[in-house]
Amino acid sequence: MNIILLLLLSIACAGVQAADHVIQITPEYIDNLGVKLGKPEPASQVPVLHAPAKVAIPPTHEHVVSTAQAGLITKLHAAVGDKVEKGQVLAEINSPDLLALQQQYLKAVNELELGRAVYNRDKKLLEEGVISGRRSQETRSQYNIYLNEAHEARQLLEIAGLSAAEIERLAKTQRLSSRLTVRAPMSGVVLERMAAAGQRIDNLAPLYRIADLSELWLEINIPQERLGDINIGDQVVIDNTDVTAPISLLGQSVNPQNQTVLARAVIKSMPAAVRAGQKVNTRIIQGSDKKAFKVPNSAVAQHEGHAYIFIRTDQGFMVKPVKVMGRQATDSIITGELTGAEAIAVTGAAALKANWLELGGDE
């Protein structure tokens, strides 16, 4: 057994010699170690932190659609997931209370017309000197009362949900209707339906929840000890997508449960890869003012808290110390005395490290 070990050691020593940061190794032995070569790629951005995040809807982009009048829902026109346009009819409600508001409005309109006629008549009589100025003022005051009542009655109809065209048609035809249409206050996507056809509802009862998804937020949990590494404007990349978003806010308080700080990044233009409410993994990346390179994680060897790569030379490999600035899924971003033209070991670095430490001693 001891003879076999001595033979293997002699074969290894025949193929490898190491001194300081140089490994002298024959091409045949390189193949035996499974070493493959590649070149470091220039990198302009450095991953700083991996962190979980949630895709959220900005509060100003979300709206709950409700009815201003009690009644019976006779028809719903939108389902969850539908895209709707501003002003589109979402629901129809049979509301007896709406009839009372219409009657009040028509009464106010009719009184206003009568008051206007009396006011115009007295105004002409005043100019002819037939009536006193006091009587004209009383007529004008009564006309203003009718005018205000008509405006108030119209506003109540608008609050109830009638459009300007529907109110004008009511004033023209004098025909009452208990049919109330509920319209979308904004363009967006239906996230939730809160009522059903045939259901009796009270005034202000919610019907739909609609959101404008043209902008979404990434709410990211940053460990408080890493907050100093993050800056507003840093780019956030969602893993396994091409979605990027700049950080627009860093929170001013720490979550006592997990000791993290909220960071917010803004996503524009409704990317198909993310959905509201989705939980995702993200990477925060920064621009680098240093000359940096991307290499496979397998190309970097760690020893006593330092990182090294192995550069191919005529005699074998040179051990080059580098600094790892960040890591991605399969790659590391490094800096050091590199030009980018070097041929480095992208696989087999562990075997080269073992030979370096065993035969050449550590640094």
Protein backbone atom coordinates (compact mmCIF):
# COMPACT_ATOMS: atom_id res chain seq x y z
CA MET A 1 0.00 0.00 0.00
CA ASN A 2 2.80 2.39 0.91
CA ILE A 3 4.56 1.52 -2.35
CA ILE A 4 1.45 2.49 -4.36
CA LEU A 5 1.20 5.85 -2.58
CA LEU A 6 4.85 6.58 -3.24
CA LEU A 7 4.40 5.75 -6.91
CA LEU A 8 1.38 8.10 -7.20
CA LEU A 9 3.27 10.89 -5.47
CA SER A 10 6.23 10.45 -7.75
CA ILE A 11 3.95 10.64 -10.82
CA ALA A 12 2.32 13.82 -9.50
CA CYS A 13 5.68 15.39 -8.77
CA ALA A 14 6.82 14.51 -12.26
CA GLY A 15 3.90 16.41 -13.73
CA VAL A 16 3.74 19.37 -11.32
CA GLN A 17 6.26 21.67 -9.73
CA ALA A 18 5.26 24.77 -7.76
CA ALA A 19 7.16 27.71 -6.41
CA ASP A 20 5.57 30.72 -4.75
CA HIS A 21 2.70 31.80 -7.08
CA VAL A 22 3.68 29.70 -10.09
CA ILE A 23 2.53 26.16 -10.83
CA GLN A 24 4.74 24.41 -13.36
CA ILE A 25 2.62 21.73 -14.97
CA THR A 26 2.82 19.73 -18.19
CA PRO A 27 0.04 19.92 -20.80
CA GLU A 28 -0.72 16.24 -20.33
CA TYR A 29 -1.28 16.69 -16.64
CA ILE A 30 -3.52 19.69 -17.29
CA ASP A 31 -5.82 17.41 -19.26
CA ASN A 32 -5.74 14.84 -16.45
CA LEU A 33 -6.89 17.50 -13.96
CA GLY A 34 -9.86 18.40 -16.17
CA VAL A 35 -8.77 22.04 -16.53
CA LYS A 36 -10.56 24.11 -19.18
CA LEU A 37 -9.57 27.61 -20.18
CA GLY A 38 -11.53 30.79 -20.81
CA LYS A 39 -11.14 34.54 -20.74
CA PRO A 40 -12.46 37.03 -18.17
CA GLU A 41 -15.25 39.19 -19.59
CA PRO A 42 -15.32 42.96 -18.93
CA ALA A 43 -18.08 43.92 -16.47
CA SER A 44 -19.49 47.39 -15.88
CA GLN A 45 -21.94 46.47 -13.12
CA VAL A 46 -21.38 44.76 -9.79
CA PRO A 47 -24.01 42.75 -7.87
CA VAL A 48 -24.13 44.13 -4.33
CA LEU A 49 -26.87 42.17 -2.60
CA HIS A 50 -29.42 39.41 -3.09
CA ALA A 51 -32.72 40.09 -1.33
CA PRO A 52 -36.38 38.95 -1.44
CA ALA A 53 -39.00 41.39 -2.67
CA LYS A 54 -42.73 41.73 -3.24
CA VAL A 55 -44.39 43.25 -6.30
CA ALA A 56 -46.87 45.88 -5.07
CA ILE A 57 -49.32 48.32 -6.63
CA PRO A 58 -48.80 52.02 -5.85
CA PRO A 59 -51.69 53.28 -3.69
CA THR A 60 -52.52 56.05 -6.17
CA HIS A 61 -52.95 53.45 -8.95
CA GLU A 62 -55.65 51.45 -7.16
CA HIS A 63 -59.34 52.30 -6.88
CA VAL A 64 -62.36 50.66 -5.25
CA VAL A 65 -65.52 51.16 -7.33
CA SER A 66 -68.66 51.53 -5.25
CA THR A 67 -72.26 52.61 -5.79
CA ALA A 68 -73.60 55.83 -4.32
CA GLN A 69 -77.18 54.50 -4.12
CA ALA A 70 -78.74 51.43 -2.58
CA GLY A 71 -80.51 49.00 -4.86
CA LEU A 72 -80.51 45.64 -6.63
CA ILE A 73 -77.64 44.64 -8.90
CA THR A 74 -79.21 43.60 -12.18
CA LYS A 75 -76.07 43.10 -14.27
CA LEU A 76 -72.27 43.04 -13.92
CA HIS A 77 -70.23 43.71 -17.05
CA ALA A 78 -66.65 42.97 -15.93
CA ALA A 79 -64.86 39.94 -14.50
CA VAL A 80 -61.59 39.55 -12.64
CA GLY A 81 -58.66 40.05 -15.00
CA ASP A 82 -60.58 42.13 -17.55
CA LYS A 83 -59.03 45.32 -18.87
CA VAL A 84 -61.43 48.25 -18.63
CA GLU A 85 -61.35 51.79 -19.94
CA LYS A 86 -62.26 54.95 -18.06
CA GLY A 87 -66.02 55.56 -18.33
CA GLN A 88 -66.81 51.96 -19.27
CA VAL A 89 -70.01 50.56 -17.73
CA LEU A 90 -69.16 48.04 -15.02
CA ALA A 91 -72.54 47.39 -13.41
CA GLU A 92 -76.27 48.18 -13.65
CA ILE A 93 -78.36 48.74 -10.51
CA ASN A 94 -82.09 49.12 -10.01
CA SER A 95 -82.30 51.91 -7.43
CA PRO A 96 -85.63 53.31 -6.13
CA ASP A 97 -83.65 56.01 -4.32
CA LEU A 98 -82.51 57.29 -7.70
CA LEU A 99 -86.13 58.03 -8.62
CA ALA A 100 -86.47 60.38 -5.65
CA LEU A 101 -83.32 62.26 -6.68
CA GLN A 102 -84.62 62.61 -10.23
CA GLN A 103 -87.95 63.94 -9.00
CA GLN A 104 -86.14 66.44 -6.81
CA TYR A 105 -84.04 67.57 -9.76
CA LEU A 106 -87.00 67.95 -12.14
CA LYS A 107 -88.91 69.94 -9.51
CA ALA A 108 -85.89 72.21 -9.04
CA VAL A 109 -85.51 72.67 -12.80
CA ASN A 110 -89.17 73.54 -13.26
CA GLU A 111 -89.10 76.02 -10.39
CA LEU A 112 -85.94 77.54 -11.86
CA GLU A 113 -87.63 78.04 -15.22
CA LEU A 114 -90.60 79.70 -13.55
CA GLY A 115 -88.32 81.86 -11.39
CA ARG A 116 -86.30 82.90 -14.46
CA ALA A 117 -89.45 83.95 -16.30
CA VAL A 118 -90.66 86.05 -13.34
CA TYR A 119 -87.20 87.58 -12.92
CA ASN A 120 -86.98 88.55 -16.61
CA ARG A 121 -90.50 90.03 -16.50
CA ASP A 122 -89.81 92.12 -13.39
CA LYS A 123 -86.49 93.23 -14.81
CA LYS A 124 -88.31 94.63 -17.86
CA LEU A 125 -91.00 96.25 -15.69
CA LEU A 126 -88.31 97.91 -13.58
CA GLU A 127 -86.73 99.39 -16.68
CA GLU A 128 -90.15 100.78 -17.68
CA GLY A 129 -90.68 102.20 -14.19
CA VAL A 130 -93.77 100.11 -13.51
CA ILE A 131 -92.46 98.37 -10.36
CA SER A 132 -90.14 99.45 -7.56
CA GLY A 133 -86.50 98.41 -7.24
CA ARG A 134 -87.30 96.56 -4.01
CA ARG A 135 -89.71 94.21 -5.76
CA SER A 136 -87.09 93.54 -8.46
CA GLN A 137 -84.51 92.68 -5.79
CA GLU A 138 -86.95 90.26 -4.13
CA THR A 139 -87.59 88.58 -7.47
CA ARG A 140 -83.84 88.32 -8.14
CA SER A 141 -83.24 86.84 -4.68
CA GLN A 142 -85.92 84.19 -5.23
CA TYR A 143 -84.45 83.38 -8.64
CA ASN A 144 -81.01 82.84 -7.07
CA ILE A 145 -82.56 80.45 -4.54
CA TYR A 146 -84.10 78.42 -7.37
CA LEU A 147 -80.76 78.45 -9.21
CA ASN A 148 -78.86 77.13 -6.20
CA GLU A 149 -81.45 74.41 -5.56
CA ALA A 150 -81.21 73.27 -9.17
CA HIS A 151 -77.41 73.13 -8.97
CA GLU A 152 -77.61 71.15 -5.72
CA ALA A 153 -80.09 68.67 -7.18
CA ARG A 154 -77.88 68.22 -10.23
CA GLN A 155 -74.81 67.58 -8.07
CA LEU A 156 -76.71 64.90 -6.16
CA LEU A 157 -77.46 63.14 -9.44
CA GLU A 158 -73.82 63.37 -10.47
CA ILE A 159 -72.76 61.90 -7.11
CA ALA A 160 -75.31 59.11 -7.63
CA GLY A 161 -73.51 58.21 -10.84
CA LEU A 162 -75.48 59.87 -13.64
CA SER A 163 -73.43 61.31 -16.47
CA ALA A 164 -73.90 64.83 -17.84
CA ALA A 165 -75.61 63.41 -20.94
CA GLU A 166 -78.04 61.39 -18.81
CA ILE A 167 -78.93 64.42 -16.70
CA GLU A 168 -79.52 66.55 -19.81
CA ARG A 169 -81.72 63.82 -21.27
CA LEU A 170 -83.71 63.67 -18.02
CA ALA A 171 -84.29 67.42 -18.06
CA LYS A 172 -85.36 67.28 -21.70
CA THR A 173 -87.64 64.22 -21.62
CA GLN A 174 -88.87 64.53 -17.99
CA ARG A 175 -88.85 60.72 -17.86
CA LEU A 176 -87.72 58.99 -14.65
CA SER A 177 -85.65 55.83 -14.58
CA SER A 178 -84.47 53.66 -11.68
CA ARG A 179 -81.62 52.22 -13.77
CA LEU A 180 -78.26 53.33 -12.41
CA THR A 181 -75.06 52.59 -14.32
CA VAL A 182 -71.74 52.36 -12.48
CA ARG A 183 -68.74 53.31 -14.63
CA ALA A 184 -65.01 52.76 -14.32
CA PRO A 185 -63.32 55.84 -12.82
CA MET A 186 -60.00 54.94 -14.46
CA SER A 187 -58.47 52.65 -17.05
CA GLY A 188 -56.94 49.53 -15.61
CA VAL A 189 -57.38 45.86 -14.77
CA VAL A 190 -60.07 44.35 -12.57
CA LEU A 191 -58.32 42.76 -9.57
CA GLU A 192 -61.36 41.79 -7.54
CA ARG A 193 -65.14 41.55 -7.86
CA MET A 194 -66.88 42.21 -4.54
CA ALA A 195 -70.56 41.69 -5.43
CA ALA A 196 -72.80 39.42 -7.51
CA ALA A 197 -75.80 39.93 -9.81
CA GLY A 198 -79.10 39.71 -7.91
CA GLN A 199 -77.55 41.02 -4.71
CA ARG A 200 -79.16 43.89 -2.81
CA ILE A 201 -76.58 46.45 -1.72
CA ASP A 202 -76.50 49.56 0.41
CA ASN A 203 -75.16 52.89 -0.72
CA LEU A 204 -71.34 53.06 -0.92
CA ALA A 205 -71.14 49.25 -1.14
CA PRO A 206 -67.94 48.17 -2.97
CA LEU A 207 -68.36 46.43 -6.33
CA TYR A 208 -64.91 46.16 -7.92
CA ARG A 209 -61.26 46.79 -7.20
CA ILE A 210 -59.41 48.19 -10.22
CA ALA A 211 -55.73 48.99 -10.62
CA ASP A 212 -53.61 50.75 -13.20
CA LEU A 213 -50.66 48.38 -13.68
CA SER A 214 -48.60 50.67 -15.89
CA GLU A 215 -46.36 51.17 -12.84
CA LEU A 216 -45.50 48.66 -10.14
CA TRP A 217 -43.30 48.81 -7.06
CA LEU A 218 -40.72 46.34 -5.83
CA GLU A 219 -40.72 46.38 -2.04
CA ILE A 220 -37.34 44.94 -1.02
CA ASN A 221 -36.23 43.86 2.45
CA ILE A 222 -32.66 45.10 3.00
CA PRO A 223 -30.77 43.80 6.07
CA GLN A 224 -30.02 46.88 8.15
CA GLU A 225 -26.30 46.08 8.32
CA ARG A 226 -26.13 46.21 4.50
CA LEU A 227 -28.03 49.48 4.13
CA GLY A 228 -24.80 51.47 3.80
CA ASP A 229 -23.97 49.52 0.62
CA ILE A 230 -27.21 50.54 -1.12
CA ASN A 231 -27.88 53.89 -2.81
CA ILE A 232 -30.92 55.50 -4.40
CA GLY A 233 -30.60 54.95 -8.15
CA ASP A 234 -29.04 51.48 -7.86
CA GLN A 235 -30.59 49.02 -10.29
CA VAL A 236 -32.63 46.05 -9.08
CA VAL A 237 -32.80 42.95 -11.29
CA ILE A 238 -35.46 40.29 -10.77
CA ASP A 239 -33.90 36.83 -10.96
CA ASN A 240 -34.63 34.80 -14.12
CA THR A 241 -36.08 37.85 -15.91
CA ASP A 242 -34.79 40.86 -17.82
CA VAL A 243 -36.81 43.24 -15.61
CA THR A 244 -34.78 46.04 -14.04
CA ALA A 245 -35.96 48.87 -11.80
CA PRO A 246 -34.14 51.77 -10.12
CA ILE A 247 -34.34 52.20 -6.36
CA SER A 248 -36.36 55.34 -5.60
CA LEU A 249 -36.68 55.15 -1.81
CA LEU A 250 -34.80 53.81 1.21
CA GLY A 251 -36.92 53.51 4.34
CA GLN A 252 -36.21 55.43 7.52
CA SER A 253 -37.28 52.73 9.98
CA VAL A 254 -36.27 49.15 10.75
CA ASN A 255 -38.78 46.29 10.86
CA PRO A 256 -38.45 44.99 14.44
CA GLN A 257 -39.46 41.46 13.43
CA ASN A 258 -36.71 40.78 10.88
CA GLN A 259 -34.39 43.80 11.30
CA THR A 260 -34.71 44.85 7.66
CA VAL A 261 -35.25 48.23 6.00
CA LEU A 262 -37.74 48.71 3.18
CA ALA A 263 -36.33 49.78 -0.18
CA ARG A 264 -38.60 50.64 -3.09
CA ALA A 265 -37.83 50.26 -6.78
CA VAL A 266 -40.17 51.41 -9.57
CA ILE A 267 -41.09 49.10 -12.48
CA LYS A 268 -42.45 50.77 -15.59
CA SER A 269 -44.46 49.56 -18.62
CA MET A 270 -46.23 46.44 -17.24
CA PRO A 271 -43.61 43.72 -17.93
CA ALA A 272 -45.16 40.32 -18.55
CA ALA A 273 -42.66 38.60 -16.25
CA VAL A 274 -44.08 40.07 -13.02
CA ARG A 275 -47.52 40.21 -11.44
CA ALA A 276 -48.91 42.30 -8.60
CA GLY A 277 -48.63 40.46 -5.30
CA GLN A 278 -45.86 38.18 -6.59
CA LYS A 279 -42.88 37.36 -4.35
CA VAL A 280 -39.56 37.39 -6.19
CA ASN A 281 -35.83 37.17 -5.59
CA THR A 282 -33.80 40.18 -6.66
CA ARG A 283 -30.23 41.34 -7.13
CA ILE A 284 -29.15 44.89 -6.47
CA ILE A 285 -26.35 45.99 -8.81
CA GLN A 286 -24.20 49.11 -8.99
CA GLY A 287 -22.02 50.67 -11.63
CA SER A 288 -18.30 50.14 -11.04
CA ASP A 289 -15.65 52.83 -11.41
CA LYS A 290 -12.97 50.14 -11.27
CA LYS A 291 -11.87 47.83 -14.05
CA ALA A 292 -13.87 44.71 -13.34
CA PHE A 293 -14.31 41.33 -15.00
CA LYS A 294 -16.88 38.55 -14.92
CA VAL A 295 -15.62 34.98 -14.50
CA PRO A 296 -17.39 31.71 -13.62
CA ASN A 297 -17.62 30.99 -9.92
CA SER A 298 -15.66 27.81 -10.56
CA ALA A 299 -12.67 29.91 -11.71
CA VAL A 300 -12.18 31.50 -8.29
CA ALA A 301 -10.35 29.65 -5.51
CA GLN A 302 -10.54 30.77 -1.90
CA HIS A 303 -7.68 30.40 0.60
CA GLU A 304 -7.34 31.98 4.04
CA GLY A 305 -9.87 34.69 3.29
CA HIS A 306 -8.36 35.64 -0.09
CA ALA A 307 -9.48 34.89 -3.65
CA TYR A 308 -7.25 33.65 -6.48
CA ILE A 309 -7.52 32.74 -10.14
CA PHE A 310 -5.10 30.66 -12.23
CA ILE A 311 -3.65 32.25 -15.40
CA ARG A 312 -2.20 29.98 -18.09
CA THR A 313 1.51 30.48 -18.88
CA ASP A 314 4.01 28.62 -21.05
CA GLN A 315 5.20 26.67 -18.02
CA GLY A 316 1.81 26.05 -16.41
CA PHE A 317 -0.25 28.46 -14.35
CA MET A 318 0.38 31.66 -12.42
CA VAL A 319 -1.61 32.12 -9.22
CA LYS A 320 -3.08 35.65 -9.30
CA PRO A 321 -4.77 37.24 -6.27
CA VAL A 322 -8.04 39.05 -7.06
CA LYS A 323 -10.85 40.74 -5.16
CA VAL A 324 -14.40 39.46 -5.50
CA MET A 325 -16.72 42.47 -5.68
CA GLY A 326 -19.94 40.51 -6.07
CA ARG A 327 -21.53 37.26 -7.16
CA GLN A 328 -24.40 36.38 -9.45
CA ALA A 329 -26.01 32.98 -9.97
CA THR A 330 -23.06 31.33 -11.74
CA ASP A 331 -20.54 34.17 -12.08
CA SER A 332 -18.31 36.33 -9.91
CA ILE A 333 -17.28 39.94 -10.55
CA ILE A 334 -13.59 40.40 -9.76
CA THR A 335 -10.95 43.13 -9.91
CA GLY A 336 -7.19 42.85 -9.94
CA GLU A 337 -4.15 43.24 -12.13
CA LEU A 338 -5.85 41.88 -15.23
CA THR A 339 -6.13 43.04 -18.83
CA GLY A 340 -8.93 40.72 -19.94
CA ALA A 341 -6.71 38.98 -22.49
CA GLU A 342 -5.50 36.32 -20.06
CA ALA A 343 -6.43 32.66 -20.46
CA ILE A 344 -7.64 31.48 -17.07
CA ALA A 345 -8.74 28.15 -15.68
CA VAL A 346 -12.55 28.23 -15.61
CA THR A 347 -12.84 24.62 -14.46
CA GLY A 348 -10.39 22.52 -12.47
CA ALA A 349 -9.39 25.44 -10.23
CA ALA A 350 -9.91 23.30 -7.15
CA ALA A 351 -7.41 20.74 -8.45
CA LEU A 352 -4.89 23.47 -9.28
CA LYS A 353 -5.35 24.94 -5.80
CA ALA A 354 -4.66 21.54 -4.23
CA ASN A 355 -1.45 21.14 -6.22
CA TRP A 356 -0.41 24.72 -5.46
CA LEU A 357 -0.88 24.34 -1.70
CA GLU A 358 0.59 20.82 -1.49
CA LEU A 359 3.65 21.28 -3.66
CA GLY A 360 4.32 24.98 -3.58
CA GLY A 361 3.28 25.77 -0.07
CA ASP A 362 0.77 28.46 0.76
CA GLU A 363 1.43 32.13 0.19
